[in-house]
Amino acid sequence: MTKLAFLGAGNMNTGIIKGLLASHTVSAEMMTLTASTQERSKAKAEVLGVNYAESNEALIQQADVVILGAKPQVLMTLLPTIDTSLWQNKLIISIAAGLTIEQLRQMTLPEAKIVRIMPNMNISLQKSVSGIAYSTNITQSEKTLVTHLFEAIGSTYVLDEKDFVTFTAIAGCSPAFTALYVDGLSRAAVAQGLPLDTSREIVIDAMIGTLLNLKENHLAPWDLINQVCSPGGTTIQGVASLEKDQLTTTLFNAVNATIRRDEELSQ
């Protein structure tokens, strides 16, 4: 069976571990992690029910697949200190935003097998949306393994690496944008007298139903909008107000801002 090593025990790697365990895709004894210190590694492993390694070198040595889940800035300092021979015959999966396949090879091994993946935070619920970019030397069996691991915890989209930053903006960052939208609608209802908890639940339930409607009925967004907007009705007035306040332009700006930051991290 494939042995997975998790370098870093932050929210994303923790979410992947939880998702793999919950979906019964990988058993706990096949997963090992390291964190920033040995004490933190032990504590995190005990909480998750997986193994921990005493060092990053020991972690890599015993693994078939190494998942790089530390912050990009940490990896840029850490990876060059690890003996390059340890990366031989390893499949390296990076979830670090902004670090390209070529940069990761420079920090590990020139011929390293690299997979860049960007899950989003819904991975622990097995509802992640993950973008995948492969180095050219990844075999079909290795691609099948990656798909097996990440489709067990959500949906996957294979992309050219040049499109990866855009995917990160609309899938990796969008949970935060969506939560902000939920909060804004909820607080607008509070201003009209509804309790915050009730308002929030109403907005969330309405959003879940709307998204399912779009997905399951294969509707374009404006098709749904037109269905809801009666001539001279209330919804069309709200849509007109959103357009007047440039909601679409605001979203364009948010996506562009995340892309600019990703490009800064890659330099």
Protein backbone atom coordinates (compact mmCIF):
# COMPACT_ATOMS: atom_id res chain seq x y z
CA MET A 1 0.00 0.00 0.00
CA THR A 2 1.05 3.59 -0.64
CA LYS A 3 2.67 5.37 2.28
CA LEU A 4 1.80 9.06 2.53
CA ALA A 5 4.00 11.62 4.25
CA PHE A 6 2.69 15.05 5.20
CA LEU A 7 5.36 17.72 5.59
CA GLY A 8 3.52 20.34 7.59
CA ALA A 9 0.48 19.94 9.82
CA GLY A 10 -1.45 23.12 9.12
CA ASN A 11 -5.10 23.44 8.20
CA MET A 12 -4.82 22.09 4.67
CA ASN A 13 -2.72 18.99 5.37
CA THR A 14 -4.89 18.32 8.42
CA GLY A 15 -7.97 18.61 6.22
CA ILE A 16 -6.54 16.18 3.69
CA ILE A 17 -5.76 13.65 6.42
CA LYS A 18 -9.23 13.97 7.91
CA GLY A 19 -10.86 13.63 4.49
CA LEU A 20 -8.84 10.55 3.56
CA LEU A 21 -9.69 8.94 6.89
CA ALA A 22 -13.38 9.82 6.68
CA SER A 23 -13.65 8.43 3.15
CA HIS A 24 -11.72 5.27 4.12
CA THR A 25 -9.35 5.91 1.23
CA VAL A 26 -6.12 5.60 3.23
CA SER A 27 -5.73 3.95 6.62
CA ALA A 28 -4.23 5.88 9.53
CA GLU A 29 -1.17 3.62 9.78
CA MET A 30 -0.20 4.54 6.20
CA MET A 31 0.01 8.27 7.00
CA THR A 32 2.86 10.06 8.78
CA LEU A 33 3.35 13.76 9.47
CA THR A 34 5.80 16.31 10.73
CA ALA A 35 5.05 19.76 12.09
CA SER A 36 7.22 22.73 13.05
CA THR A 37 8.62 20.95 16.11
CA GLN A 38 8.81 17.34 17.25
CA GLU A 39 6.49 18.12 20.16
CA ARG A 40 3.90 19.62 17.84
CA SER A 41 4.29 16.69 15.45
CA LYS A 42 3.54 14.22 18.23
CA ALA A 43 0.57 16.21 19.54
CA LYS A 44 -0.95 16.67 16.07
CA ALA A 45 -0.47 13.01 15.19
CA GLU A 46 -2.17 11.92 18.40
CA VAL A 47 -5.19 14.13 17.66
CA LEU A 48 -5.51 12.80 14.11
CA GLY A 49 -4.65 9.21 14.95
CA VAL A 50 -1.77 8.95 12.47
CA ASN A 51 2.00 8.49 12.81
CA TYR A 52 4.64 11.17 13.21
CA ALA A 53 8.31 11.28 12.25
CA GLU A 54 11.11 12.68 14.39
CA SER A 55 12.52 14.69 11.48
CA ASN A 56 11.61 15.77 7.97
CA GLU A 57 14.38 13.54 6.62
CA ALA A 58 12.95 10.50 8.41
CA LEU A 59 9.50 11.44 7.13
CA ILE A 60 10.60 11.53 3.49
CA GLN A 61 12.75 8.42 3.68
CA GLN A 62 9.89 6.09 4.65
CA ALA A 63 7.30 7.51 2.22
CA ASP A 64 6.13 6.80 -1.32
CA VAL A 65 4.27 10.10 -1.66
CA VAL A 66 5.29 13.33 0.10
CA ILE A 67 2.66 16.06 0.44
CA LEU A 68 4.21 19.49 0.97
CA GLY A 69 1.75 21.41 3.12
CA ALA A 70 3.93 24.01 4.83
CA LYS A 71 3.69 27.69 3.91
CA PRO A 72 5.53 28.65 0.70
CA GLN A 73 7.96 30.86 2.59
CA VAL A 74 8.80 27.98 4.94
CA LEU A 75 9.30 25.53 2.08
CA MET A 76 11.63 27.92 0.26
CA THR A 77 13.90 27.88 3.32
CA LEU A 78 13.40 24.26 4.33
CA LEU A 79 13.55 22.25 1.11
CA PRO A 80 17.09 23.28 0.04
CA THR A 81 18.41 21.95 3.39
CA ILE A 82 17.17 18.40 2.72
CA ASP A 83 19.52 15.90 1.07
CA THR A 84 18.49 15.70 -2.59
CA SER A 85 19.01 11.92 -2.65
CA LEU A 86 16.00 11.51 -0.38
CA TRP A 87 13.72 12.69 -3.18
CA GLN A 88 14.71 9.86 -5.51
CA ASN A 89 11.69 7.74 -6.53
CA LYS A 90 9.29 9.93 -4.53
CA LEU A 91 6.09 11.42 -5.85
CA ILE A 92 5.99 14.98 -4.52
CA ILE A 93 2.61 16.68 -4.15
CA SER A 94 2.75 20.38 -3.35
CA ILE A 95 -0.21 22.37 -2.08
CA ALA A 96 1.89 25.51 -1.58
CA ALA A 97 0.42 28.50 -3.40
CA GLY A 98 2.74 30.31 -5.77
CA LEU A 99 5.54 27.73 -6.01
CA THR A 100 5.87 26.42 -9.56
CA ILE A 101 6.93 22.94 -10.62
CA GLU A 102 10.25 24.34 -11.81
CA GLN A 103 10.88 26.14 -8.51
CA LEU A 104 10.07 22.99 -6.56
CA ARG A 105 12.50 20.99 -8.70
CA GLN A 106 15.22 23.53 -8.03
CA MET A 107 14.65 23.04 -4.30
CA THR A 108 14.42 19.24 -4.37
CA LEU A 109 15.73 17.32 -7.41
CA PRO A 110 16.03 18.44 -11.07
CA GLU A 111 14.19 15.34 -12.29
CA ALA A 112 11.71 15.20 -9.40
CA LYS A 113 8.17 14.05 -10.07
CA ILE A 114 6.05 17.02 -9.01
CA VAL A 115 2.29 17.39 -8.74
CA ARG A 116 0.90 20.80 -7.87
CA ILE A 117 -2.50 20.64 -6.22
CA MET A 118 -4.65 23.37 -4.78
CA PRO A 119 -7.49 22.00 -2.68
CA ASN A 120 -9.84 24.32 -0.85
CA MET A 121 -10.81 24.30 2.78
CA ASN A 122 -13.86 22.08 2.26
CA ILE A 123 -11.57 19.09 1.96
CA SER A 124 -12.31 17.82 5.48
CA LEU A 125 -15.98 17.57 4.46
CA GLN A 126 -15.00 15.61 1.33
CA LYS A 127 -16.31 18.56 -0.72
CA SER A 128 -13.05 20.09 -1.86
CA VAL A 129 -12.46 21.45 -5.33
CA SER A 130 -8.86 20.63 -6.28
CA GLY A 131 -6.87 21.84 -9.26
CA ILE A 132 -4.07 19.54 -10.45
CA ALA A 133 -1.01 20.30 -12.58
CA TYR A 134 1.52 17.57 -13.38
CA SER A 135 5.18 17.67 -14.33
CA THR A 136 5.77 15.98 -17.68
CA ASN A 137 7.41 12.85 -16.19
CA ILE A 138 4.37 11.74 -14.16
CA THR A 139 3.19 8.29 -15.25
CA GLN A 140 -0.42 7.36 -15.91
CA SER A 141 -0.45 5.10 -12.84
CA GLU A 142 0.77 7.99 -10.71
CA LYS A 143 -1.93 10.24 -12.15
CA THR A 144 -4.49 7.55 -11.33
CA LEU A 145 -3.21 7.45 -7.74
CA VAL A 146 -3.45 11.24 -7.37
CA THR A 147 -6.96 11.22 -8.79
CA HIS A 148 -7.96 8.39 -6.44
CA LEU A 149 -6.69 10.30 -3.40
CA PHE A 150 -8.21 13.67 -4.20
CA GLU A 151 -11.49 12.58 -5.77
CA ALA A 152 -12.16 10.73 -2.52
CA ILE A 153 -12.35 14.15 -0.88
CA GLY A 154 -14.03 16.23 -3.59
CA SER A 155 -13.86 17.09 -7.26
CA THR A 156 -10.66 17.50 -9.29
CA TYR A 157 -9.73 19.52 -12.38
CA VAL A 158 -6.54 18.82 -14.35
CA LEU A 159 -5.11 22.07 -15.69
CA ASP A 160 -2.12 23.45 -17.53
CA GLU A 161 0.18 24.96 -14.96
CA LYS A 162 -0.21 28.39 -16.61
CA ASP A 163 -3.89 28.33 -15.58
CA PHE A 164 -3.21 27.20 -12.04
CA VAL A 165 -3.08 30.65 -10.52
CA THR A 166 -6.52 31.49 -11.92
CA PHE A 167 -7.94 28.27 -10.52
CA THR A 168 -6.49 29.15 -7.12
CA ALA A 169 -8.26 32.50 -7.22
CA ILE A 170 -11.72 31.12 -8.03
CA ALA A 171 -11.62 27.85 -6.07
CA GLY A 172 -8.99 28.16 -3.35
CA CYS A 173 -9.94 31.69 -2.35
CA SER A 174 -13.66 31.64 -3.12
CA PRO A 175 -14.77 30.02 0.18
CA ALA A 176 -13.66 33.23 1.89
CA PHE A 177 -15.44 35.37 -0.72
CA THR A 178 -18.57 33.25 -0.34
CA ALA A 179 -18.50 33.51 3.44
CA LEU A 180 -18.19 37.29 3.14
CA TYR A 181 -21.26 37.32 0.86
CA VAL A 182 -23.21 35.24 3.40
CA ASP A 183 -22.20 37.58 6.19
CA GLY A 184 -23.18 40.68 4.21
CA LEU A 185 -26.66 39.37 3.36
CA SER A 186 -27.15 38.16 6.91
CA ARG A 187 -26.26 41.51 8.45
CA ALA A 188 -28.48 43.33 5.98
CA ALA A 189 -31.36 41.21 7.34
CA VAL A 190 -30.30 42.04 10.91
CA ALA A 191 -30.63 45.72 10.02
CA GLN A 192 -34.25 44.94 9.11
CA GLY A 193 -34.93 43.21 12.43
CA LEU A 194 -34.13 39.50 11.94
CA PRO A 195 -31.78 37.83 14.45
CA LEU A 196 -28.27 37.20 13.11
CA ASP A 197 -28.28 33.42 13.65
CA THR A 198 -31.62 33.05 11.90
CA SER A 199 -30.58 35.31 9.05
CA ARG A 200 -27.36 33.39 8.53
CA GLU A 201 -29.13 30.02 8.38
CA ILE A 202 -31.68 31.35 5.90
CA VAL A 203 -28.97 32.73 3.61
CA ILE A 204 -26.91 29.52 3.76
CA ASP A 205 -29.91 27.29 3.02
CA ALA A 206 -31.01 29.52 0.15
CA MET A 207 -27.48 29.50 -1.28
CA ILE A 208 -27.14 25.70 -1.07
CA GLY A 209 -30.45 25.25 -2.92
CA THR A 210 -29.48 27.80 -5.56
CA LEU A 211 -26.10 26.20 -6.22
CA LEU A 212 -27.65 22.75 -6.51
CA ASN A 213 -30.21 24.18 -8.94
CA LEU A 214 -27.43 25.64 -11.11
CA LYS A 215 -25.38 22.45 -11.05
CA GLU A 216 -28.04 19.76 -11.36
CA ASN A 217 -30.13 21.59 -13.97
CA HIS A 218 -27.06 22.78 -15.90
CA LEU A 219 -28.27 26.37 -15.77
CA ALA A 220 -26.20 29.34 -16.79
CA PRO A 221 -26.29 31.91 -13.95
CA TRP A 222 -28.26 34.46 -15.99
CA ASP A 223 -30.83 31.80 -16.90
CA LEU A 224 -31.56 31.37 -13.20
CA ILE A 225 -31.50 35.12 -12.60
CA ASN A 226 -34.08 35.62 -15.35
CA GLN A 227 -36.29 32.92 -13.82
CA VAL A 228 -36.32 34.71 -10.46
CA CYS A 229 -36.73 38.24 -11.79
CA SER A 230 -40.40 38.94 -12.46
CA PRO A 231 -41.11 42.04 -14.60
CA GLY A 232 -41.38 45.04 -12.31
CA GLY A 233 -40.76 42.79 -9.27
CA THR A 234 -38.54 43.00 -6.23
CA THR A 235 -35.65 40.82 -7.37
CA ILE A 236 -34.93 42.80 -10.50
CA GLN A 237 -34.62 45.92 -8.38
CA GLY A 238 -32.07 44.20 -6.16
CA VAL A 239 -30.13 42.87 -9.18
CA ALA A 240 -30.12 46.36 -10.70
CA SER A 241 -28.76 47.76 -7.45
CA LEU A 242 -25.98 45.16 -7.36
CA GLU A 243 -25.05 45.96 -10.94
CA LYS A 244 -25.12 49.70 -10.24
CA ASP A 245 -22.73 49.10 -7.34
CA GLN A 246 -20.52 47.06 -9.70
CA LEU A 247 -20.66 43.69 -7.96
CA THR A 248 -19.23 41.95 -11.03
CA THR A 249 -16.38 44.45 -11.27
CA THR A 250 -15.69 44.00 -7.56
CA LEU A 251 -15.39 40.23 -8.08
CA PHE A 252 -13.07 40.78 -11.06
CA ASN A 253 -10.90 42.98 -8.84
CA ALA A 254 -10.83 40.39 -6.04
CA VAL A 255 -9.73 37.62 -8.42
CA ASN A 256 -7.07 39.87 -9.96
CA ALA A 257 -5.77 40.80 -6.50
CA THR A 258 -5.34 37.15 -5.51
CA ILE A 259 -3.54 36.43 -8.80
CA ARG A 260 -1.15 39.34 -8.23
CA ARG A 261 -0.34 38.03 -4.75
CA ASP A 262 0.23 34.52 -6.09
CA GLU A 263 2.67 35.93 -8.64
CA GLU A 264 4.48 37.81 -5.87
CA LEU A 265 4.85 34.59 -3.86
CA SER A 266 6.32 32.80 -6.87
CA GLN A 267 9.12 35.34 -7.27
